[in-house]
Protein backbone atom coordinates (compact mmCIF):
# COMPACT_ATOMS: atom_id res chain seq x y z
CA MET A 1 146.34 -52.27 -70.50
CA SER A 2 146.05 -49.38 -68.07
CA GLU A 3 143.06 -49.20 -65.77
CA TYR A 4 140.89 -46.13 -65.49
CA LYS A 5 139.16 -45.22 -62.27
CA THR A 6 136.01 -43.13 -62.32
CA ILE A 7 136.06 -40.39 -59.71
CA ARG A 8 132.70 -40.05 -58.02
CA PRO A 9 131.89 -36.42 -57.21
CA GLY A 10 131.40 -35.42 -53.59
CA LEU A 11 127.81 -34.16 -53.29
CA LEU A 12 126.73 -32.44 -50.09
CA ILE A 13 122.93 -32.17 -49.77
CA ARG A 14 121.08 -29.99 -47.29
CA GLY A 15 117.38 -30.61 -46.74
CA ALA A 16 114.65 -31.97 -44.50
CA MET A 17 114.59 -35.71 -43.84
CA THR A 18 110.89 -35.75 -42.97
CA SER A 19 108.20 -38.21 -43.98
CA TYR A 20 105.29 -35.79 -43.52
CA SER A 21 106.30 -32.98 -45.91
CA GLY A 22 106.63 -32.71 -49.68
CA TYR A 23 110.12 -31.27 -49.44
CA GLY A 24 111.17 -34.04 -47.05
CA THR A 25 109.86 -37.02 -48.99
CA ALA A 26 111.08 -35.59 -52.31
CA THR A 27 114.53 -34.92 -50.86
CA MET A 28 114.93 -38.43 -49.48
CA ALA A 29 113.76 -40.04 -52.73
CA LEU A 30 116.20 -37.94 -54.76
CA ILE A 31 119.10 -38.61 -52.38
CA GLU A 32 118.68 -42.38 -52.71
CA GLN A 33 119.06 -42.08 -56.48
CA LEU A 34 121.91 -39.55 -56.50
CA ASP A 35 123.85 -41.76 -54.09
CA LYS A 36 124.22 -44.22 -56.98
CA ILE A 37 126.32 -41.75 -58.97
CA ALA A 38 127.98 -39.59 -56.30
CA ASP A 39 129.47 -39.78 -52.83
CA VAL A 40 126.62 -38.20 -50.90
CA GLY A 41 126.77 -36.44 -47.57
CA ILE A 42 123.70 -35.01 -45.81
CA VAL A 43 123.13 -31.94 -43.70
CA GLY A 44 119.71 -32.61 -42.17
CA VAL A 45 117.64 -29.47 -41.60
CA GLU A 46 115.13 -31.66 -39.78
CA CYS A 47 114.95 -35.43 -39.28
CA THR A 48 112.02 -37.59 -38.18
CA ASN A 49 111.27 -41.22 -37.53
CA GLY A 50 110.21 -43.33 -40.49
CA MET A 51 113.02 -42.33 -42.84
CA PRO A 52 114.24 -44.98 -45.32
CA ALA A 53 117.11 -47.17 -44.13
CA LYS A 54 119.34 -45.83 -46.91
CA ILE A 55 118.94 -42.26 -45.67
CA ALA A 56 119.74 -43.31 -42.10
CA GLU A 57 122.88 -45.08 -43.38
CA ILE A 58 124.06 -42.00 -45.30
CA LEU A 59 123.51 -39.78 -42.25
CA GLN A 60 125.92 -42.00 -40.28
CA ARG A 61 128.73 -41.81 -42.82
CA PRO A 62 131.96 -39.91 -42.10
CA LEU A 63 132.03 -36.33 -43.38
CA LEU A 64 132.90 -35.94 -47.05
CA LYS A 65 136.59 -35.30 -47.59
CA THR A 66 135.94 -33.29 -50.75
CA VAL A 67 132.76 -31.48 -51.75
CA HIS A 68 132.50 -30.84 -55.49
CA CYS A 69 128.86 -29.80 -55.46
CA PHE A 70 126.44 -28.43 -52.85
CA LEU A 71 122.70 -29.01 -53.26
CA ASP A 72 120.26 -27.05 -51.08
CA ILE A 73 116.71 -28.52 -51.24
CA VAL A 74 114.62 -26.04 -49.27
CA PRO A 75 111.89 -23.39 -49.60
CA PRO A 76 113.19 -19.97 -50.75
CA PHE A 77 112.92 -18.50 -47.25
CA SER A 78 115.06 -21.30 -45.78
CA ALA A 79 117.92 -21.00 -48.27
CA LYS A 80 121.39 -20.46 -46.79
CA GLY A 81 123.20 -19.55 -49.99
CA ARG A 82 126.32 -20.69 -51.81
CA LEU A 83 128.76 -22.97 -50.05
CA LYS A 84 132.14 -21.23 -50.18
CA ASN A 85 134.22 -22.11 -53.27
CA THR A 86 131.74 -24.86 -54.25
CA PHE A 87 129.39 -25.16 -57.21
CA SER A 88 126.09 -24.58 -55.43
CA ILE A 89 122.53 -25.39 -56.48
CA LEU A 90 119.18 -24.47 -54.97
CA TYR A 91 116.28 -26.87 -55.67
CA SER A 92 113.12 -25.06 -54.69
CA MET A 93 109.63 -23.86 -55.66
CA VAL A 94 106.98 -21.24 -54.97
CA GLU A 95 103.22 -21.59 -54.51
CA THR A 96 102.10 -18.13 -55.63
CA ASP A 97 103.02 -15.80 -58.48
CA ARG A 98 105.76 -14.04 -56.50
CA PHE A 99 108.08 -14.47 -53.53
CA THR A 100 106.93 -13.96 -49.96
CA ALA A 101 108.43 -11.01 -48.08
CA ASN A 102 110.61 -13.18 -45.81
CA ILE A 103 113.15 -14.18 -48.46
CA ASP A 104 116.66 -12.78 -48.81
CA GLU A 105 117.20 -11.93 -52.48
CA GLY A 106 120.96 -11.71 -52.01
CA ILE A 107 121.09 -15.30 -50.76
CA LEU A 108 119.07 -16.56 -53.74
CA LYS A 109 121.36 -14.70 -56.16
CA SER A 110 124.43 -16.37 -54.65
CA TYR A 111 123.68 -19.83 -56.08
CA HIS A 112 125.30 -20.83 -59.37
CA LEU A 113 122.16 -22.66 -60.51
CA ILE A 114 118.54 -22.80 -59.37
CA ILE A 115 116.37 -25.79 -60.27
CA VAL A 116 112.63 -25.47 -59.68
CA ALA A 117 109.70 -27.88 -59.66
CA ASN A 118 107.31 -25.97 -61.93
CA ASN A 119 107.09 -23.33 -64.66
CA ILE A 120 105.56 -20.63 -62.45
CA SER A 121 108.54 -20.97 -60.12
CA GLN A 122 110.90 -20.58 -63.07
CA LYS A 123 109.36 -17.21 -63.89
CA VAL A 124 109.44 -16.01 -60.27
CA PHE A 125 113.07 -17.03 -59.71
CA GLY A 126 114.01 -16.04 -63.27
CA ASP A 127 112.81 -12.48 -62.73
CA LEU A 128 115.35 -12.27 -59.90
CA VAL A 129 118.41 -14.16 -61.20
CA GLY A 130 117.75 -14.46 -64.94
CA THR A 131 115.77 -17.22 -66.64
CA SER A 132 118.90 -18.84 -68.09
CA ASN A 133 120.04 -19.61 -64.54
CA VAL A 134 116.78 -21.35 -63.60
CA LYS A 135 115.90 -24.82 -64.91
CA VAL A 136 112.73 -26.88 -64.41
CA VAL A 137 112.82 -30.45 -63.12
CA PRO A 138 109.58 -31.63 -61.41
CA LEU A 139 109.67 -33.68 -58.22
CA GLY A 140 109.68 -37.45 -58.61
CA ILE A 141 108.34 -40.29 -56.49
CA ASP A 142 109.11 -43.93 -55.79
CA THR A 143 106.59 -45.53 -58.16
CA LYS A 144 107.71 -49.00 -57.07
CA PHE A 145 106.63 -48.25 -53.52
CA PHE A 146 103.49 -46.40 -54.61
CA ALA A 147 102.57 -49.26 -56.91
CA PRO A 148 99.17 -49.43 -58.63
CA ALA A 149 96.28 -51.37 -57.11
CA LYS A 150 92.86 -51.89 -58.65
CA ARG A 151 90.00 -50.19 -56.82
CA LYS A 152 86.76 -52.07 -56.19
CA LEU A 153 84.66 -49.01 -57.08
CA ASP A 154 81.75 -50.02 -54.88
CA GLU A 155 78.40 -48.28 -54.97
CA GLU A 156 79.89 -45.67 -52.61
CA ILE A 157 82.65 -43.51 -54.12
CA LYS A 158 85.41 -42.76 -51.63
CA PHE A 159 86.89 -39.27 -51.97
CA ALA A 160 89.88 -38.11 -49.91
CA CYS A 161 92.22 -35.20 -49.12
CA VAL A 162 95.77 -35.33 -47.73
CA GLY A 163 97.99 -32.53 -46.41
CA TYR A 164 98.03 -29.44 -44.22
CA MET A 165 94.44 -28.32 -44.79
CA ASN A 166 94.90 -24.59 -44.64
CA LYS A 167 93.58 -21.81 -46.87
CA ARG A 168 96.06 -22.65 -49.63
CA LYS A 169 94.82 -26.24 -49.82
CA GLY A 170 91.29 -25.03 -50.57
CA ILE A 171 89.64 -27.38 -48.09
CA ASP A 172 86.73 -24.94 -47.86
CA LEU A 173 86.00 -25.51 -51.56
CA THR A 174 86.31 -29.29 -51.19
CA ILE A 175 83.84 -29.39 -48.30
CA LYS A 176 81.34 -27.14 -50.12
CA ALA A 177 81.55 -29.30 -53.25
CA PHE A 178 81.16 -32.52 -51.26
CA GLN A 179 78.07 -31.24 -49.46
CA GLU A 180 76.42 -30.53 -52.81
CA VAL A 181 77.38 -33.86 -54.38
CA ARG A 182 76.40 -35.83 -51.26
CA LYS A 183 72.78 -34.62 -51.71
CA LYS A 184 72.46 -36.72 -54.88
CA TYR A 185 75.15 -39.40 -54.75
CA ASN A 186 76.44 -42.07 -52.40
CA CYS A 187 79.94 -40.90 -51.47
CA THR A 188 82.22 -40.18 -48.53
CA LEU A 189 85.08 -37.75 -47.90
CA ASP A 190 88.03 -38.64 -45.65
CA ILE A 191 90.34 -35.72 -44.84
CA HIS A 192 93.79 -36.45 -43.44
CA THR A 193 95.22 -33.17 -42.21
CA THR A 194 98.67 -32.59 -40.77
CA GLY A 195 97.79 -29.13 -39.49
CA VAL A 196 95.76 -27.61 -36.67
CA PRO A 197 92.13 -28.71 -36.12
CA LEU A 198 89.54 -27.27 -38.49
CA LEU A 199 86.34 -25.55 -37.37
CA PRO A 200 84.19 -27.79 -35.13
CA GLU A 201 81.24 -27.66 -37.55
CA PHE A 202 83.33 -29.36 -40.25
CA TYR A 203 83.52 -32.48 -38.04
CA ALA A 204 79.72 -32.73 -37.92
CA ILE A 205 79.13 -32.87 -41.68
CA GLY A 206 77.56 -36.15 -42.77
CA GLY A 207 79.88 -38.41 -44.74
CA VAL A 208 82.99 -36.44 -43.72
CA THR A 209 85.69 -37.94 -41.52
CA ILE A 210 88.63 -35.78 -40.44
CA LEU A 211 91.79 -37.56 -39.31
CA ALA A 212 94.80 -35.87 -37.73
CA GLU A 213 96.98 -38.63 -36.27
CA THR A 214 100.50 -39.09 -37.56
CA ILE A 215 100.87 -41.95 -40.01
CA ASN A 216 103.95 -43.58 -41.53
CA ARG A 217 104.72 -44.13 -45.19
CA GLU A 218 103.09 -47.56 -45.35
CA GLU A 219 99.94 -46.26 -43.69
CA LEU A 220 99.82 -43.35 -46.13
CA ARG A 221 100.03 -45.74 -49.07
CA GLN A 222 97.20 -47.80 -47.59
CA PHE A 223 95.17 -44.60 -47.19
CA TYR A 224 95.54 -44.06 -50.93
CA TYR A 225 94.56 -47.66 -51.68
CA ASN A 226 91.42 -47.27 -49.53
CA HIS A 227 90.16 -44.37 -51.65
CA ASP A 228 89.17 -43.81 -55.26
CA VAL A 229 89.84 -40.13 -55.92
CA LEU A 230 91.93 -37.43 -54.22
CA ILE A 231 90.40 -33.94 -54.29
CA CYS A 232 93.04 -31.21 -54.48
CA SER A 233 91.20 -27.88 -54.53
CA SER A 234 94.51 -26.12 -53.91
CA ARG A 235 94.92 -22.45 -54.66
CA GLY A 236 98.68 -22.87 -54.96
CA GLU A 237 101.11 -25.80 -54.97
CA GLY A 238 104.83 -26.08 -55.49
CA ALA A 239 104.40 -29.73 -56.45
CA ASN A 240 101.75 -31.58 -54.35
CA LEU A 241 103.36 -34.99 -54.01
CA PRO A 242 100.25 -36.62 -52.45
CA ALA A 243 98.41 -36.08 -55.75
CA ILE A 244 101.24 -37.71 -57.71
CA GLU A 245 101.46 -40.54 -55.18
CA MET A 246 97.71 -41.15 -55.40
CA LEU A 247 97.89 -41.31 -59.18
CA SER A 248 100.86 -43.66 -58.99
CA THR A 249 98.80 -46.05 -56.82
CA GLY A 250 96.16 -46.20 -59.56
CA GLY A 251 93.65 -43.73 -58.11
CA SER A 252 92.57 -40.51 -59.78
CA VAL A 253 92.76 -36.82 -58.87
CA ILE A 254 90.62 -33.69 -59.19
CA ALA A 255 92.74 -30.52 -59.38
CA THR A 256 93.56 -27.35 -61.31
CA LYS A 257 96.36 -27.15 -63.89
CA TRP A 258 98.38 -24.35 -62.32
CA ALA A 259 101.86 -24.13 -60.79
CA GLY A 260 102.87 -27.54 -59.38
CA HIS A 261 99.68 -29.20 -60.63
CA GLU A 262 100.40 -28.06 -64.17
CA MET A 263 103.37 -30.43 -64.33
CA PHE A 264 101.32 -33.63 -64.03
CA MET A 265 97.57 -33.01 -64.45
CA ASP A 266 96.32 -34.75 -67.61
CA GLU A 267 92.85 -35.54 -68.95
CA ALA A 268 94.04 -39.07 -69.70
CA TYR A 269 94.12 -40.08 -66.03
CA SER A 270 92.76 -37.19 -63.95
CA TYR A 271 90.01 -34.56 -63.75
CA PRO A 272 91.46 -31.07 -64.39
CA VAL A 273 89.22 -28.19 -63.27
CA ARG A 274 89.26 -24.61 -64.46
CA HIS A 275 90.43 -21.74 -62.30
CA LYS A 276 90.72 -17.97 -62.17
CA MET A 277 93.60 -15.95 -60.77
CA VAL A 278 92.75 -14.11 -57.54
CA TYR A 279 94.59 -12.12 -54.89
CA THR A 280 95.77 -14.10 -51.86
CA ASN A 281 94.27 -11.68 -49.32
CA LYS A 282 90.76 -13.18 -49.50
CA LYS A 283 89.56 -14.03 -45.96
CA ILE A 284 88.34 -17.59 -45.41
CA LYS A 285 87.04 -19.05 -42.15
CA LEU A 286 88.74 -22.40 -41.50
CA PHE A 287 90.11 -22.32 -37.97
CA ASP A 288 89.29 -21.14 -34.46
CA GLU A 289 89.73 -17.41 -33.82
CA ASN A 290 92.78 -18.09 -31.65
CA VAL A 291 94.74 -19.58 -34.53
CA ARG A 292 97.24 -17.15 -36.04
CA PHE A 293 99.47 -17.76 -39.02
CA ILE A 294 102.78 -15.96 -39.26
CA ASP A 295 102.77 -16.23 -43.05
CA ARG A 296 100.02 -13.57 -43.17
CA THR A 297 102.75 -11.01 -42.61
CA TRP A 298 104.86 -12.51 -45.39
CA ILE A 299 102.38 -12.13 -48.25
CA ARG A 300 103.29 -9.18 -50.46
CA PRO A 301 100.48 -6.93 -51.70
CA GLY A 302 99.31 -7.91 -55.17
CA THR A 303 100.27 -11.58 -54.83
CA LYS A 304 98.02 -13.95 -56.76
CA TRP A 305 97.26 -17.65 -56.93
CA SER A 306 94.58 -19.79 -58.56
CA GLU A 307 90.99 -20.14 -57.38
CA PRO A 308 89.51 -23.47 -58.60
CA LEU A 309 85.97 -23.03 -59.90
CA LEU A 310 83.60 -24.60 -57.37
CA LYS A 311 81.13 -25.60 -60.08
CA ASP A 312 83.90 -27.49 -61.90
CA ILE A 313 84.87 -29.39 -58.75
CA ILE A 314 81.22 -30.36 -58.26
CA ARG A 315 80.85 -31.34 -61.90
CA SER A 316 83.95 -33.56 -61.74
CA MET A 317 82.76 -35.27 -58.56
CA GLU A 318 79.34 -35.89 -60.08
CA ASP A 319 80.94 -37.25 -63.25
CA ILE A 320 82.95 -39.70 -61.15
CA CYS A 321 79.85 -40.86 -59.26
CA GLU A 322 77.84 -41.29 -62.48
CA ASP A 323 80.37 -42.67 -64.97
CA ARG A 324 82.37 -45.52 -63.43
CA GLU A 325 83.63 -46.73 -66.81
CA LYS A 326 85.24 -43.37 -67.51
CA LEU A 327 86.84 -43.46 -64.07
CA LYS A 328 88.14 -46.97 -64.74
CA ARG A 329 89.72 -45.82 -68.01
CA LYS A 330 91.45 -42.95 -66.28
CA MET A 331 92.72 -45.25 -63.54
CA ALA A 332 94.07 -47.65 -66.16
CA ASN A 333 95.95 -44.75 -67.80
CA THR A 334 97.89 -43.82 -64.68
CA TYR A 335 100.81 -45.81 -66.09
CA ILE A 336 101.53 -42.62 -68.10
CA LEU A 337 102.26 -40.74 -64.88
CA ARG A 338 104.42 -43.53 -63.51
CA GLU A 339 106.54 -43.43 -66.66
CA ARG A 340 106.97 -39.64 -66.46
CA PHE A 341 107.50 -39.10 -62.75
CA ASN A 342 109.30 -42.18 -61.43
CA ILE A 343 112.23 -41.07 -59.31
CA GLU A 344 114.81 -42.93 -61.40
CA LYS A 345 113.90 -40.86 -64.47
CA ILE A 346 113.55 -37.61 -62.54
CA ALA A 347 116.92 -38.07 -60.79
CA LYS A 348 118.61 -38.68 -64.16
CA ASP A 349 116.95 -35.57 -65.62
CA PHE A 350 118.07 -33.63 -62.55
CA TRP A 351 121.71 -34.70 -62.78
CA ASP A 352 121.81 -34.26 -66.57
CA THR A 353 120.48 -30.72 -66.06
CA VAL A 354 123.24 -29.98 -63.55
CA LEU A 355 126.00 -31.35 -65.78
CA ALA A 356 124.73 -29.56 -68.88
CA PHE A 357 124.51 -26.23 -67.06
CA LYS A 358 127.98 -26.60 -65.57
CA PHE A 359 129.48 -27.61 -68.93
CA ASN A 360 127.86 -24.70 -70.76
CA SER A 361 128.96 -22.28 -68.03
CA GLN A 362 132.55 -23.44 -68.39
CA LYS A 363 132.35 -23.04 -72.18
CA VAL A 364 131.19 -19.44 -71.78
CA LYS A 365 134.03 -18.70 -69.34
CA GLY A 366 136.57 -20.25 -71.72
CA ALA A 367 135.30 -18.39 -74.77
């Protein structure tokens, strides 16, 4: 009987190997899974300490002899385009209803396939390259690492925020809501920001603690375990992995159902809040006058994102403080999210999407 050898495709992946960003953590989680079905090589846009041992091992491998597929996992403005004579994919997302002005449309059009993390991104990219060339596969997480743990739900409810607390993250709304809820209920708000310091007066608000030190993956998981609910008053998100990670650990989340949030927010285990669409040029005071953000020059006129309704955020926080049994039920239902967004399932969906697109493209060419 003759023996058949399966040829593993050579898959070259370009992306950030960073533990502090959504793109970075999502990229590393996906790489670990794709390495099971392909010979993976990595071009690291940026690398930091704290990466998984598997990623470090792949980075030290010899260069791939043959590259059958190139996967670029970066924001639209960081895309480098098709790898010469290689089936090339961009895995990306947007956080508003249109591209920023710093993208190169020609580069985006050069990819054979674009995979995006949410439905809003599919429309934005689809308007440029055609919807049939843009597929949706949400980001996945390591649900075994971010395993569920039962919260004590003491008399004091522990709210939290995680991420770069800029205008897009809606930290101004979160602080306003907390100040109102704190007047009537026993609760605290811990904010872990990876960005520049917020206004000094924010640090003097009772019940609010603002942390800015760098933490590793294990410390981040413990931060989730130490809190009951993550408040995500974001105006725009490509995915928002911290919210998915928090839910995976058995906590709950308050957030809108728009863009990246739309992919996972569910009444069964979270607290969706209503929103209205607004222009992104609204001025909000969050930082010292000396802080300047280059992305202000990138926003195109007429760009919109979501504005969570402050009264809904307050109502959700009050509901959590008043109805612990409802909160417990939602926490118990977070298994639904773990089933949908575990990285093993997402990686399979991703690769199946790639193979199906490539097969259908070849059929069209051969017709």
